N, C-alpha and C. Protein backbone atom coordinates (compact mmCIF):
# COMPACT_ATOMS: atom_id res chain seq x y z
N UNK A 1 29.42 60.58 30.31
CA UNK A 1 28.79 59.29 30.58
C UNK A 1 29.57 58.19 29.87
N UNK A 2 29.80 57.10 30.55
CA UNK A 2 30.56 55.98 30.01
C UNK A 2 29.70 55.21 29.01
N UNK A 3 30.22 54.92 27.81
CA UNK A 3 29.47 54.09 26.86
C UNK A 3 29.23 52.69 27.43
N UNK A 4 28.10 52.10 27.04
CA UNK A 4 27.75 50.76 27.53
C UNK A 4 27.37 49.86 26.36
N UNK A 5 27.27 48.58 26.68
CA UNK A 5 26.82 47.56 25.74
C UNK A 5 26.02 46.53 26.53
N UNK A 6 25.17 45.75 25.85
CA UNK A 6 24.47 44.69 26.57
C UNK A 6 25.46 43.67 27.13
N UNK A 7 25.12 43.09 28.27
CA UNK A 7 25.93 41.99 28.80
C UNK A 7 25.86 40.81 27.85
N UNK A 8 26.96 40.09 27.72
CA UNK A 8 26.92 38.84 26.97
C UNK A 8 26.19 37.81 27.81
N UNK A 9 25.76 36.72 27.19
CA UNK A 9 25.13 35.64 27.95
C UNK A 9 26.07 35.11 29.01
N UNK A 10 27.36 34.95 28.67
CA UNK A 10 28.33 34.44 29.64
C UNK A 10 28.49 35.39 30.83
N UNK A 11 28.53 36.69 30.56
CA UNK A 11 28.64 37.67 31.65
C UNK A 11 27.41 37.62 32.54
N UNK A 12 26.23 37.59 31.94
CA UNK A 12 24.99 37.55 32.71
C UNK A 12 24.90 36.27 33.54
N UNK A 13 25.20 35.13 32.92
CA UNK A 13 25.12 33.86 33.64
C UNK A 13 26.09 33.81 34.81
N UNK A 14 27.32 34.28 34.59
CA UNK A 14 28.31 34.29 35.66
C UNK A 14 27.86 35.21 36.80
N UNK A 15 27.48 36.43 36.47
CA UNK A 15 27.08 37.39 37.51
C UNK A 15 25.86 36.88 38.28
N UNK A 16 24.90 36.30 37.60
CA UNK A 16 23.70 35.78 38.28
C UNK A 16 24.08 34.66 39.23
N UNK A 17 24.94 33.74 38.79
CA UNK A 17 25.37 32.64 39.65
C UNK A 17 26.11 33.20 40.87
N UNK A 18 26.97 34.18 40.64
CA UNK A 18 27.74 34.77 41.74
C UNK A 18 26.81 35.43 42.76
N UNK A 19 25.77 36.10 42.30
CA UNK A 19 24.81 36.70 43.23
C UNK A 19 23.99 35.64 43.95
N UNK A 20 23.57 34.61 43.23
CA UNK A 20 22.76 33.55 43.83
C UNK A 20 23.55 32.75 44.88
N UNK A 21 24.87 32.75 44.78
CA UNK A 21 25.71 31.95 45.67
C UNK A 21 26.62 32.80 46.55
N UNK A 22 26.38 34.09 46.59
CA UNK A 22 27.25 35.01 47.31
C UNK A 22 26.83 35.22 48.76
N UNK A 23 27.22 36.35 49.30
CA UNK A 23 26.92 36.70 50.69
C UNK A 23 25.41 36.86 50.88
N UNK A 24 25.01 37.02 52.14
CA UNK A 24 23.59 37.17 52.44
C UNK A 24 22.98 38.36 51.71
N UNK A 25 23.75 39.43 51.51
CA UNK A 25 23.21 40.61 50.84
C UNK A 25 23.25 40.51 49.32
N UNK A 26 23.97 39.55 48.77
CA UNK A 26 24.16 39.48 47.31
C UNK A 26 22.84 39.36 46.56
N UNK A 27 21.90 38.59 47.10
CA UNK A 27 20.63 38.39 46.39
C UNK A 27 19.84 39.69 46.24
N UNK A 28 20.15 40.69 47.05
CA UNK A 28 19.46 41.98 46.94
C UNK A 28 19.80 42.69 45.63
N UNK A 29 20.84 42.23 44.94
CA UNK A 29 21.31 42.91 43.73
C UNK A 29 20.85 42.25 42.44
N UNK A 30 20.05 41.18 42.54
CA UNK A 30 19.57 40.50 41.33
C UNK A 30 18.73 41.45 40.48
N UNK A 31 17.86 42.23 41.10
CA UNK A 31 17.04 43.18 40.32
C UNK A 31 17.91 44.18 39.56
N UNK A 32 18.99 44.64 40.19
CA UNK A 32 19.90 45.55 39.48
C UNK A 32 20.57 44.84 38.31
N UNK A 33 20.96 43.58 38.52
CA UNK A 33 21.61 42.84 37.44
C UNK A 33 20.70 42.75 36.22
N UNK A 34 19.41 42.60 36.43
CA UNK A 34 18.48 42.50 35.31
C UNK A 34 18.39 43.80 34.51
N UNK A 35 18.87 44.91 35.09
CA UNK A 35 18.91 46.21 34.40
C UNK A 35 20.33 46.61 34.03
N UNK A 36 21.26 45.68 34.16
CA UNK A 36 22.68 46.01 33.98
C UNK A 36 23.12 45.94 32.52
N UNK A 37 24.04 46.83 32.20
CA UNK A 37 24.79 46.78 30.95
C UNK A 37 26.26 46.79 31.35
N UNK A 38 27.13 46.42 30.44
CA UNK A 38 28.57 46.47 30.70
C UNK A 38 29.11 47.80 30.19
N UNK A 39 30.02 48.38 30.94
CA UNK A 39 30.67 49.60 30.46
C UNK A 39 31.73 49.23 29.43
N UNK A 40 32.25 50.22 28.76
CA UNK A 40 33.30 49.98 27.76
C UNK A 40 34.67 49.80 28.40
N UNK A 41 34.78 49.96 29.72
CA UNK A 41 36.05 49.80 30.42
C UNK A 41 36.64 48.42 30.19
N UNK A 42 37.93 48.37 29.95
CA UNK A 42 38.66 47.10 29.82
C UNK A 42 39.87 47.18 30.73
N UNK A 43 40.15 46.13 31.46
CA UNK A 43 41.31 46.09 32.34
C UNK A 43 42.58 46.10 31.50
N UNK A 44 43.56 46.90 31.86
CA UNK A 44 44.79 46.96 31.07
C UNK A 44 45.58 45.65 31.06
N UNK A 45 45.33 44.74 32.00
CA UNK A 45 46.07 43.47 32.00
C UNK A 45 45.52 42.48 30.98
N UNK A 46 44.36 42.78 30.40
CA UNK A 46 43.77 41.89 29.41
C UNK A 46 42.85 40.83 29.98
N UNK A 47 42.59 40.87 31.28
CA UNK A 47 41.69 39.89 31.88
C UNK A 47 40.25 40.17 31.45
N UNK A 48 39.36 39.27 31.81
CA UNK A 48 37.96 39.37 31.39
C UNK A 48 37.08 40.12 32.39
N UNK A 49 37.68 40.85 33.33
CA UNK A 49 36.89 41.63 34.29
C UNK A 49 35.98 42.61 33.54
N UNK A 50 34.84 42.93 34.15
CA UNK A 50 33.93 43.89 33.53
C UNK A 50 33.19 44.67 34.61
N UNK A 51 32.78 45.88 34.25
CA UNK A 51 32.04 46.76 35.15
C UNK A 51 30.62 46.94 34.64
N UNK A 52 29.72 47.21 35.58
CA UNK A 52 28.31 47.41 35.27
C UNK A 52 27.94 48.88 35.25
N UNK A 53 26.93 49.19 34.46
CA UNK A 53 26.16 50.44 34.56
C UNK A 53 24.71 49.98 34.66
N UNK A 54 24.05 50.38 35.73
CA UNK A 54 22.68 49.95 35.98
C UNK A 54 21.72 51.01 35.45
N UNK A 55 20.87 50.61 34.49
CA UNK A 55 19.89 51.55 33.93
C UNK A 55 19.03 52.14 35.06
N UNK A 56 18.87 53.46 35.03
CA UNK A 56 18.04 54.14 36.02
C UNK A 56 18.77 54.54 37.29
N UNK A 57 20.05 54.19 37.41
CA UNK A 57 20.84 54.56 38.58
C UNK A 57 22.08 55.34 38.13
N UNK A 58 22.61 56.19 39.00
CA UNK A 58 23.86 56.88 38.65
C UNK A 58 25.01 55.88 38.60
N UNK A 59 26.14 56.29 38.04
CA UNK A 59 27.31 55.42 38.07
C UNK A 59 27.68 55.16 39.52
N UNK A 60 28.14 53.94 39.79
CA UNK A 60 28.54 53.59 41.15
C UNK A 60 29.71 54.46 41.59
N UNK A 61 29.73 54.88 42.86
CA UNK A 61 30.86 55.67 43.33
C UNK A 61 32.11 54.78 43.44
N UNK A 62 33.28 55.39 43.54
CA UNK A 62 34.49 54.59 43.72
C UNK A 62 34.38 53.75 44.98
N UNK A 63 34.99 52.58 44.95
CA UNK A 63 34.99 51.70 46.10
C UNK A 63 34.58 50.30 45.73
N UNK A 64 34.95 49.36 46.59
CA UNK A 64 34.67 47.95 46.35
C UNK A 64 34.16 47.33 47.64
N UNK A 65 32.94 46.81 47.61
CA UNK A 65 32.39 46.01 48.70
C UNK A 65 32.02 44.66 48.10
N UNK A 66 32.80 43.65 48.42
CA UNK A 66 32.63 42.32 47.82
C UNK A 66 31.38 41.65 48.38
N UNK A 67 30.54 41.15 47.47
CA UNK A 67 29.31 40.46 47.88
C UNK A 67 29.29 39.00 47.42
N UNK A 68 30.34 38.55 46.76
CA UNK A 68 30.50 37.16 46.35
C UNK A 68 31.96 36.94 45.98
N UNK A 69 32.62 35.97 46.63
CA UNK A 69 34.06 35.77 46.47
C UNK A 69 34.32 34.30 46.15
N UNK A 70 35.03 34.05 45.06
CA UNK A 70 35.17 32.68 44.54
C UNK A 70 36.59 32.40 44.07
N UNK A 71 36.90 31.10 44.02
CA UNK A 71 38.16 30.63 43.45
C UNK A 71 37.85 29.82 42.21
N UNK A 72 38.84 29.77 41.31
CA UNK A 72 38.73 29.02 40.06
C UNK A 72 39.99 28.18 39.93
N UNK A 73 39.83 26.88 39.64
CA UNK A 73 40.97 26.02 39.36
C UNK A 73 41.59 25.39 40.59
N UNK A 74 42.67 24.63 40.34
CA UNK A 74 43.39 23.95 41.41
C UNK A 74 44.58 24.82 41.83
N UNK A 75 45.34 24.33 42.81
CA UNK A 75 46.44 25.13 43.35
C UNK A 75 47.46 25.54 42.29
N UNK A 76 47.69 24.70 41.30
CA UNK A 76 48.70 25.00 40.27
C UNK A 76 48.22 26.05 39.27
N UNK A 77 46.91 26.20 39.14
CA UNK A 77 46.34 27.15 38.17
C UNK A 77 45.27 28.02 38.82
N UNK A 78 45.51 28.42 40.05
CA UNK A 78 44.49 29.09 40.84
C UNK A 78 44.29 30.55 40.42
N UNK A 79 43.03 30.93 40.30
CA UNK A 79 42.67 32.33 40.08
C UNK A 79 41.41 32.61 40.89
N UNK A 80 41.00 33.85 40.89
CA UNK A 80 39.85 34.23 41.69
C UNK A 80 38.89 35.11 40.93
N UNK A 81 37.70 35.24 41.50
CA UNK A 81 36.67 36.10 40.92
C UNK A 81 35.81 36.63 42.06
N UNK A 82 35.47 37.90 41.99
CA UNK A 82 34.50 38.43 42.94
C UNK A 82 33.57 39.40 42.25
N UNK A 83 32.36 39.48 42.79
CA UNK A 83 31.37 40.45 42.32
C UNK A 83 31.22 41.47 43.44
N UNK A 84 31.09 42.74 43.06
CA UNK A 84 31.12 43.78 44.08
C UNK A 84 30.11 44.89 43.80
N UNK A 85 29.82 45.62 44.87
CA UNK A 85 28.96 46.79 44.79
C UNK A 85 29.68 47.95 45.47
N UNK A 86 29.21 49.14 45.20
CA UNK A 86 29.71 50.33 45.87
C UNK A 86 28.54 51.31 46.04
N UNK A 87 28.36 51.78 47.24
CA UNK A 87 27.28 52.72 47.50
C UNK A 87 25.91 52.15 47.21
N UNK A 88 25.75 50.83 47.35
CA UNK A 88 24.46 50.19 47.09
C UNK A 88 24.16 49.96 45.62
N UNK A 89 25.16 50.16 44.76
CA UNK A 89 24.98 49.97 43.31
C UNK A 89 25.90 48.85 42.84
N UNK A 90 25.33 47.85 42.19
CA UNK A 90 26.12 46.75 41.63
C UNK A 90 27.17 47.33 40.69
N UNK A 91 28.44 46.96 40.90
CA UNK A 91 29.52 47.68 40.22
C UNK A 91 30.31 46.87 39.21
N UNK A 92 30.57 45.57 39.49
CA UNK A 92 31.36 44.83 38.53
C UNK A 92 31.75 43.45 38.99
N UNK A 93 32.46 42.75 38.10
CA UNK A 93 33.04 41.44 38.36
C UNK A 93 34.53 41.56 38.08
N UNK A 94 35.32 41.19 39.07
CA UNK A 94 36.78 41.24 38.96
C UNK A 94 37.32 39.82 38.87
N UNK A 95 38.17 39.57 37.88
CA UNK A 95 38.85 38.29 37.71
C UNK A 95 40.33 38.55 37.91
N UNK A 96 41.00 37.69 38.68
CA UNK A 96 42.41 37.94 38.99
C UNK A 96 43.17 36.63 39.12
N UNK A 97 44.46 36.70 38.84
CA UNK A 97 45.32 35.53 38.94
C UNK A 97 45.92 35.40 40.32
N UNK A 98 46.11 34.17 40.77
CA UNK A 98 46.79 33.89 42.02
C UNK A 98 48.05 33.08 41.77
N UNK A 99 47.94 31.98 41.03
CA UNK A 99 49.10 31.14 40.71
C UNK A 99 49.57 31.38 39.29
N UNK A 100 49.01 32.34 38.62
CA UNK A 100 49.35 32.65 37.23
C UNK A 100 48.56 33.87 36.79
N UNK A 101 48.34 33.96 35.50
CA UNK A 101 47.62 35.11 34.95
C UNK A 101 46.13 35.07 35.29
N UNK A 102 45.53 36.23 35.27
CA UNK A 102 44.09 36.33 35.45
C UNK A 102 43.37 35.73 34.24
N UNK A 103 42.19 35.17 34.44
CA UNK A 103 41.44 34.60 33.31
C UNK A 103 41.19 35.64 32.21
N UNK A 104 41.45 35.24 30.98
CA UNK A 104 41.24 36.12 29.82
C UNK A 104 39.86 35.94 29.21
N UNK A 105 39.15 34.89 29.62
CA UNK A 105 37.78 34.64 29.17
C UNK A 105 36.90 34.48 30.40
N UNK A 106 35.62 34.74 30.22
CA UNK A 106 34.66 34.61 31.31
C UNK A 106 34.55 33.14 31.70
N UNK A 107 34.79 32.80 32.97
CA UNK A 107 34.65 31.40 33.38
C UNK A 107 33.18 31.00 33.44
N UNK A 108 32.94 29.72 33.30
CA UNK A 108 31.59 29.19 33.45
C UNK A 108 31.31 29.04 34.96
N UNK A 109 30.08 29.23 35.38
CA UNK A 109 29.77 29.12 36.81
C UNK A 109 30.21 27.81 37.44
N UNK A 110 30.15 26.70 36.70
CA UNK A 110 30.54 25.42 37.29
C UNK A 110 32.05 25.31 37.54
N UNK A 111 32.82 26.30 37.09
CA UNK A 111 34.25 26.33 37.36
C UNK A 111 34.57 27.03 38.68
N UNK A 112 33.60 27.73 39.26
CA UNK A 112 33.83 28.50 40.47
C UNK A 112 33.49 27.70 41.71
N UNK A 113 34.17 28.03 42.79
CA UNK A 113 33.82 27.51 44.11
C UNK A 113 34.01 28.65 45.11
N UNK A 114 33.21 28.64 46.16
CA UNK A 114 33.36 29.67 47.19
C UNK A 114 34.73 29.54 47.83
N UNK A 115 35.27 30.65 48.31
CA UNK A 115 36.61 30.63 48.89
C UNK A 115 36.69 29.71 50.10
N UNK A 116 35.57 29.40 50.74
CA UNK A 116 35.60 28.52 51.91
C UNK A 116 35.37 27.05 51.56
N UNK A 117 35.29 26.71 50.27
CA UNK A 117 35.14 25.32 49.83
C UNK A 117 36.51 24.73 49.53
N UNK A 118 36.67 23.41 49.73
CA UNK A 118 37.96 22.79 49.41
C UNK A 118 38.19 22.75 47.90
N UNK A 119 39.47 22.67 47.49
CA UNK A 119 39.77 22.61 46.05
C UNK A 119 39.32 21.28 45.45
N UNK A 120 39.12 21.28 44.14
CA UNK A 120 38.75 20.02 43.48
C UNK A 120 39.93 19.05 43.51
N UNK A 121 39.62 17.79 43.51
CA UNK A 121 40.67 16.77 43.51
C UNK A 121 40.86 16.24 42.11
N UNK A 122 42.10 15.98 41.76
CA UNK A 122 42.44 15.47 40.42
C UNK A 122 42.12 14.01 40.30
């Protein structure tokens, strides 16, 4: 069994915002988020991605089904974030770089925009 820890406030706030603003099915996972802990897994690139373990459910099977997809920053500093499930179990939040490195800290929800929204203007 993978060791877990409580979600930080920043992790919980980000994941909740992503579910509240994600795909039509994303809101179905809010109850799971309320029972979520973070696994001890750390991405080897050093980004702030994290995986969930949901109390009372088995570990999520391998696979990624994105239920909320977002961009962070402008074109010169663009990165992305998505929240995903696998087999009906909330699985994690992935942060990745597009125009540079992946975020090393958890972004604030007000930094995210849906992939179908225009970029912020300077």
